[in-house]
N, C-alpha and C. Protein backbone atom coordinates (compact mmCIF):
# COMPACT_ATOMS: atom_id res chain seq x y z
N MET A 1 87.68 8.31 68.82
CA MET A 1 88.47 7.74 67.74
C MET A 1 88.98 8.86 66.83
N VAL A 2 90.13 8.65 66.26
CA VAL A 2 90.77 9.64 65.40
C VAL A 2 89.89 9.99 64.19
N TYR A 3 89.28 8.99 63.60
CA TYR A 3 88.42 9.19 62.43
C TYR A 3 87.33 10.21 62.74
N ASN A 4 86.64 10.02 63.86
CA ASN A 4 85.55 10.93 64.23
C ASN A 4 86.06 12.34 64.53
N ARG A 5 87.21 12.44 65.18
CA ARG A 5 87.75 13.77 65.48
C ARG A 5 88.06 14.53 64.19
N LEU A 6 88.72 13.86 63.25
CA LEU A 6 89.05 14.51 61.98
C LEU A 6 87.78 14.88 61.22
N LYS A 7 86.81 13.98 61.22
CA LYS A 7 85.56 14.24 60.52
C LYS A 7 84.84 15.46 61.11
N ASP A 8 84.91 15.61 62.43
CA ASP A 8 84.23 16.72 63.10
C ASP A 8 85.00 18.04 63.03
N GLU A 9 86.33 17.99 63.04
CA GLU A 9 87.12 19.21 63.21
C GLU A 9 87.79 19.76 61.95
N LEU A 10 88.03 18.93 60.94
CA LEU A 10 88.62 19.45 59.71
C LEU A 10 87.63 20.38 59.01
N VAL A 11 88.17 21.43 58.41
CA VAL A 11 87.35 22.40 57.68
C VAL A 11 87.54 22.13 56.19
N PHE A 12 86.43 21.88 55.49
CA PHE A 12 86.47 21.52 54.07
C PHE A 12 85.87 22.64 53.23
N PRO A 13 86.29 22.75 51.98
CA PRO A 13 87.39 22.05 51.33
C PRO A 13 88.72 22.69 51.69
N PHE A 14 89.80 21.92 51.48
CA PHE A 14 91.14 22.45 51.65
C PHE A 14 92.06 21.82 50.62
N VAL A 15 93.19 22.46 50.38
CA VAL A 15 94.13 22.01 49.35
C VAL A 15 95.27 21.24 50.02
N ALA A 16 95.64 20.14 49.38
CA ALA A 16 96.77 19.33 49.84
C ALA A 16 97.52 18.84 48.61
N LYS A 17 98.76 18.43 48.81
CA LYS A 17 99.48 17.85 47.68
C LYS A 17 99.92 16.44 48.03
N VAL A 18 100.06 15.63 47.01
CA VAL A 18 100.44 14.23 47.17
C VAL A 18 101.93 14.14 47.45
N VAL A 19 102.31 13.46 48.53
CA VAL A 19 103.72 13.33 48.88
C VAL A 19 104.20 11.88 48.82
N ASP A 20 103.31 10.97 48.46
CA ASP A 20 103.67 9.57 48.35
C ASP A 20 103.24 9.08 46.97
N VAL A 21 103.81 8.00 46.53
CA VAL A 21 103.47 7.45 45.22
C VAL A 21 102.05 6.91 45.25
N ASN A 22 101.28 7.27 44.24
CA ASN A 22 99.90 6.81 44.13
C ASN A 22 99.70 6.42 42.67
N ASP A 23 99.00 5.33 42.42
CA ASP A 23 98.81 4.84 41.05
C ASP A 23 98.05 5.81 40.16
N ASN A 24 97.13 6.59 40.74
CA ASN A 24 96.26 7.44 39.94
C ASN A 24 96.65 8.91 39.92
N ILE A 25 97.44 9.34 40.89
CA ILE A 25 97.73 10.76 41.05
C ILE A 25 99.25 10.95 41.08
N LEU A 26 99.74 11.98 40.42
CA LEU A 26 101.17 12.24 40.36
C LEU A 26 101.71 12.80 41.66
N HIS A 27 102.94 12.44 42.00
CA HIS A 27 103.62 12.99 43.17
C HIS A 27 103.70 14.51 43.03
N GLY A 28 103.32 15.24 44.07
CA GLY A 28 103.37 16.69 44.05
C GLY A 28 102.11 17.36 43.50
N GLN A 29 101.19 16.57 42.96
CA GLN A 29 99.97 17.15 42.41
C GLN A 29 99.09 17.69 43.53
N LYS A 30 98.48 18.85 43.29
CA LYS A 30 97.58 19.44 44.28
C LYS A 30 96.17 18.90 44.10
N LEU A 31 95.53 18.62 45.24
CA LEU A 31 94.17 18.10 45.27
C LEU A 31 93.31 19.00 46.13
N VAL A 32 92.03 19.02 45.86
CA VAL A 32 91.07 19.68 46.74
C VAL A 32 90.41 18.57 47.56
N ILE A 33 90.63 18.61 48.86
CA ILE A 33 90.08 17.60 49.74
C ILE A 33 88.68 18.05 50.15
N THR A 34 87.68 17.19 49.90
CA THR A 34 86.30 17.59 50.11
C THR A 34 85.64 16.98 51.34
N GLN A 35 86.14 15.83 51.81
CA GLN A 35 85.55 15.22 53.00
C GLN A 35 86.34 14.01 53.46
N VAL A 36 86.06 13.60 54.70
CA VAL A 36 86.62 12.35 55.22
C VAL A 36 85.75 11.24 54.66
N ASP A 37 86.38 10.20 54.11
CA ASP A 37 85.62 9.13 53.47
C ASP A 37 85.43 7.92 54.39
N ASN A 38 86.54 7.41 54.97
CA ASN A 38 86.46 6.16 55.70
C ASN A 38 87.74 5.96 56.50
N TYR A 39 87.79 4.87 57.26
CA TYR A 39 89.01 4.48 57.96
C TYR A 39 89.26 3.01 57.67
N VAL A 40 90.48 2.70 57.23
CA VAL A 40 90.88 1.32 56.96
C VAL A 40 92.20 1.11 57.70
N ASP A 41 92.28 0.03 58.49
CA ASP A 41 93.47 -0.19 59.32
C ASP A 41 94.79 -0.07 58.55
N MET A 42 94.85 -0.64 57.37
CA MET A 42 96.11 -0.66 56.62
C MET A 42 96.53 0.73 56.13
N TYR A 43 95.56 1.58 55.77
CA TYR A 43 95.85 2.89 55.17
C TYR A 43 95.52 4.06 56.08
N GLY A 44 94.77 3.84 57.15
CA GLY A 44 94.37 4.92 58.04
C GLY A 44 93.15 5.64 57.50
N VAL A 45 93.07 6.92 57.77
CA VAL A 45 91.93 7.74 57.35
C VAL A 45 92.02 7.99 55.85
N LEU A 46 90.92 7.75 55.16
CA LEU A 46 90.83 7.98 53.72
C LEU A 46 90.04 9.25 53.47
N MET A 47 90.49 10.03 52.51
CA MET A 47 89.87 11.31 52.19
C MET A 47 89.32 11.29 50.77
N GLU A 48 88.22 12.00 50.56
CA GLU A 48 87.72 12.19 49.21
C GLU A 48 88.38 13.44 48.64
N ALA A 49 88.93 13.31 47.45
CA ALA A 49 89.66 14.41 46.83
C ALA A 49 89.20 14.62 45.39
N LYS A 50 89.38 15.85 44.92
CA LYS A 50 89.02 16.17 43.54
C LYS A 50 90.20 16.84 42.84
N VAL A 51 90.34 16.50 41.58
CA VAL A 51 91.24 17.19 40.68
C VAL A 51 90.38 17.50 39.46
N GLY A 52 90.03 18.77 39.32
CA GLY A 52 89.09 19.12 38.26
C GLY A 52 87.76 18.44 38.54
N ARG A 53 87.26 17.66 37.60
CA ARG A 53 85.99 16.96 37.78
C ARG A 53 86.16 15.53 38.27
N ARG A 54 87.39 15.07 38.36
CA ARG A 54 87.66 13.69 38.79
C ARG A 54 87.72 13.58 40.30
N LYS A 55 87.15 12.51 40.84
CA LYS A 55 87.18 12.25 42.27
C LYS A 55 88.10 11.07 42.55
N TYR A 56 88.80 11.16 43.68
CA TYR A 56 89.70 10.10 44.11
C TYR A 56 89.50 9.86 45.60
N ILE A 57 89.90 8.69 46.05
CA ILE A 57 89.99 8.39 47.48
C ILE A 57 91.48 8.24 47.77
N VAL A 58 91.98 9.04 48.72
CA VAL A 58 93.42 9.08 49.01
C VAL A 58 93.62 8.96 50.51
N ALA A 59 94.63 8.19 50.91
CA ALA A 59 94.96 8.07 52.32
C ALA A 59 95.53 9.40 52.82
N LEU A 60 95.08 9.82 53.99
CA LEU A 60 95.55 11.09 54.55
C LEU A 60 97.06 11.09 54.77
N CYS A 61 97.63 9.92 55.05
CA CYS A 61 99.08 9.84 55.27
C CYS A 61 99.88 10.08 53.99
N GLU A 62 99.22 10.11 52.83
CA GLU A 62 99.89 10.38 51.55
C GLU A 62 99.82 11.85 51.15
N LEU A 63 99.27 12.68 52.04
CA LEU A 63 99.03 14.09 51.71
C LEU A 63 99.82 15.03 52.60
N ASP A 64 100.06 16.22 52.07
CA ASP A 64 100.70 17.30 52.82
C ASP A 64 99.81 18.53 52.66
N ILE A 65 99.39 19.11 53.78
CA ILE A 65 98.53 20.29 53.75
C ILE A 65 99.38 21.48 53.31
N THR A 66 98.91 22.23 52.32
CA THR A 66 99.71 23.33 51.77
C THR A 66 99.66 24.59 52.62
N ASP A 67 98.56 24.82 53.34
CA ASP A 67 98.44 26.01 54.19
C ASP A 67 98.90 25.68 55.61
N THR A 68 100.16 25.96 55.90
CA THR A 68 100.74 25.59 57.19
C THR A 68 100.20 26.40 58.36
N LYS A 69 99.44 27.46 58.09
CA LYS A 69 98.88 28.28 59.16
C LYS A 69 97.42 27.92 59.48
N SER A 70 96.87 26.96 58.77
CA SER A 70 95.47 26.60 58.98
C SER A 70 95.30 25.63 60.16
N LYS A 71 94.11 25.59 60.69
CA LYS A 71 93.77 24.64 61.75
C LYS A 71 93.94 23.20 61.24
N ASN A 72 93.61 22.98 59.98
CA ASN A 72 93.73 21.65 59.39
C ASN A 72 95.16 21.14 59.43
N TYR A 73 96.12 22.03 59.23
CA TYR A 73 97.53 21.62 59.23
C TYR A 73 97.90 20.97 60.56
N LYS A 74 97.54 21.61 61.65
CA LYS A 74 97.87 21.08 62.98
C LYS A 74 97.17 19.74 63.23
N LEU A 75 95.90 19.65 62.87
CA LEU A 75 95.15 18.40 63.05
C LEU A 75 95.78 17.25 62.27
N VAL A 76 96.15 17.52 61.03
CA VAL A 76 96.74 16.48 60.18
C VAL A 76 98.12 16.10 60.69
N GLU A 77 98.91 17.06 61.13
CA GLU A 77 100.23 16.75 61.68
C GLU A 77 100.11 15.87 62.92
N GLU A 78 99.15 16.16 63.79
CA GLU A 78 98.91 15.32 64.97
C GLU A 78 98.50 13.91 64.56
N TYR A 79 97.64 13.83 63.55
CA TYR A 79 97.22 12.52 63.05
C TYR A 79 98.42 11.75 62.50
N LEU A 80 99.28 12.40 61.72
CA LEU A 80 100.44 11.73 61.14
C LEU A 80 101.39 11.21 62.20
N GLU A 81 101.58 11.96 63.29
CA GLU A 81 102.41 11.49 64.39
C GLU A 81 101.79 10.25 65.02
N TRP A 82 100.48 10.27 65.21
CA TRP A 82 99.78 9.13 65.80
C TRP A 82 99.83 7.91 64.87
N PHE A 83 99.58 8.13 63.58
CA PHE A 83 99.50 7.03 62.63
C PHE A 83 100.87 6.45 62.29
N GLY A 84 101.86 7.34 62.20
CA GLY A 84 103.20 6.98 61.76
C GLY A 84 103.87 5.98 62.59
């Protein structure tokens, strides 16, 4: 399953920015992604993210990995193609 692969292969923490509208986080804001949280059919893989001391749960499809040369970038791009 995609959830298990991402949970096993993503390297944490990593930085991502929000590319979709979210009620709690501004578009373009950078987040530190700390772990895979859950999978929900409607939203896909959910990630735990931090901004300063605040924690959020954000759908992976709402994020863009900032380091395009990292292993995480390729994994997330493959996930987005599958989920999209």
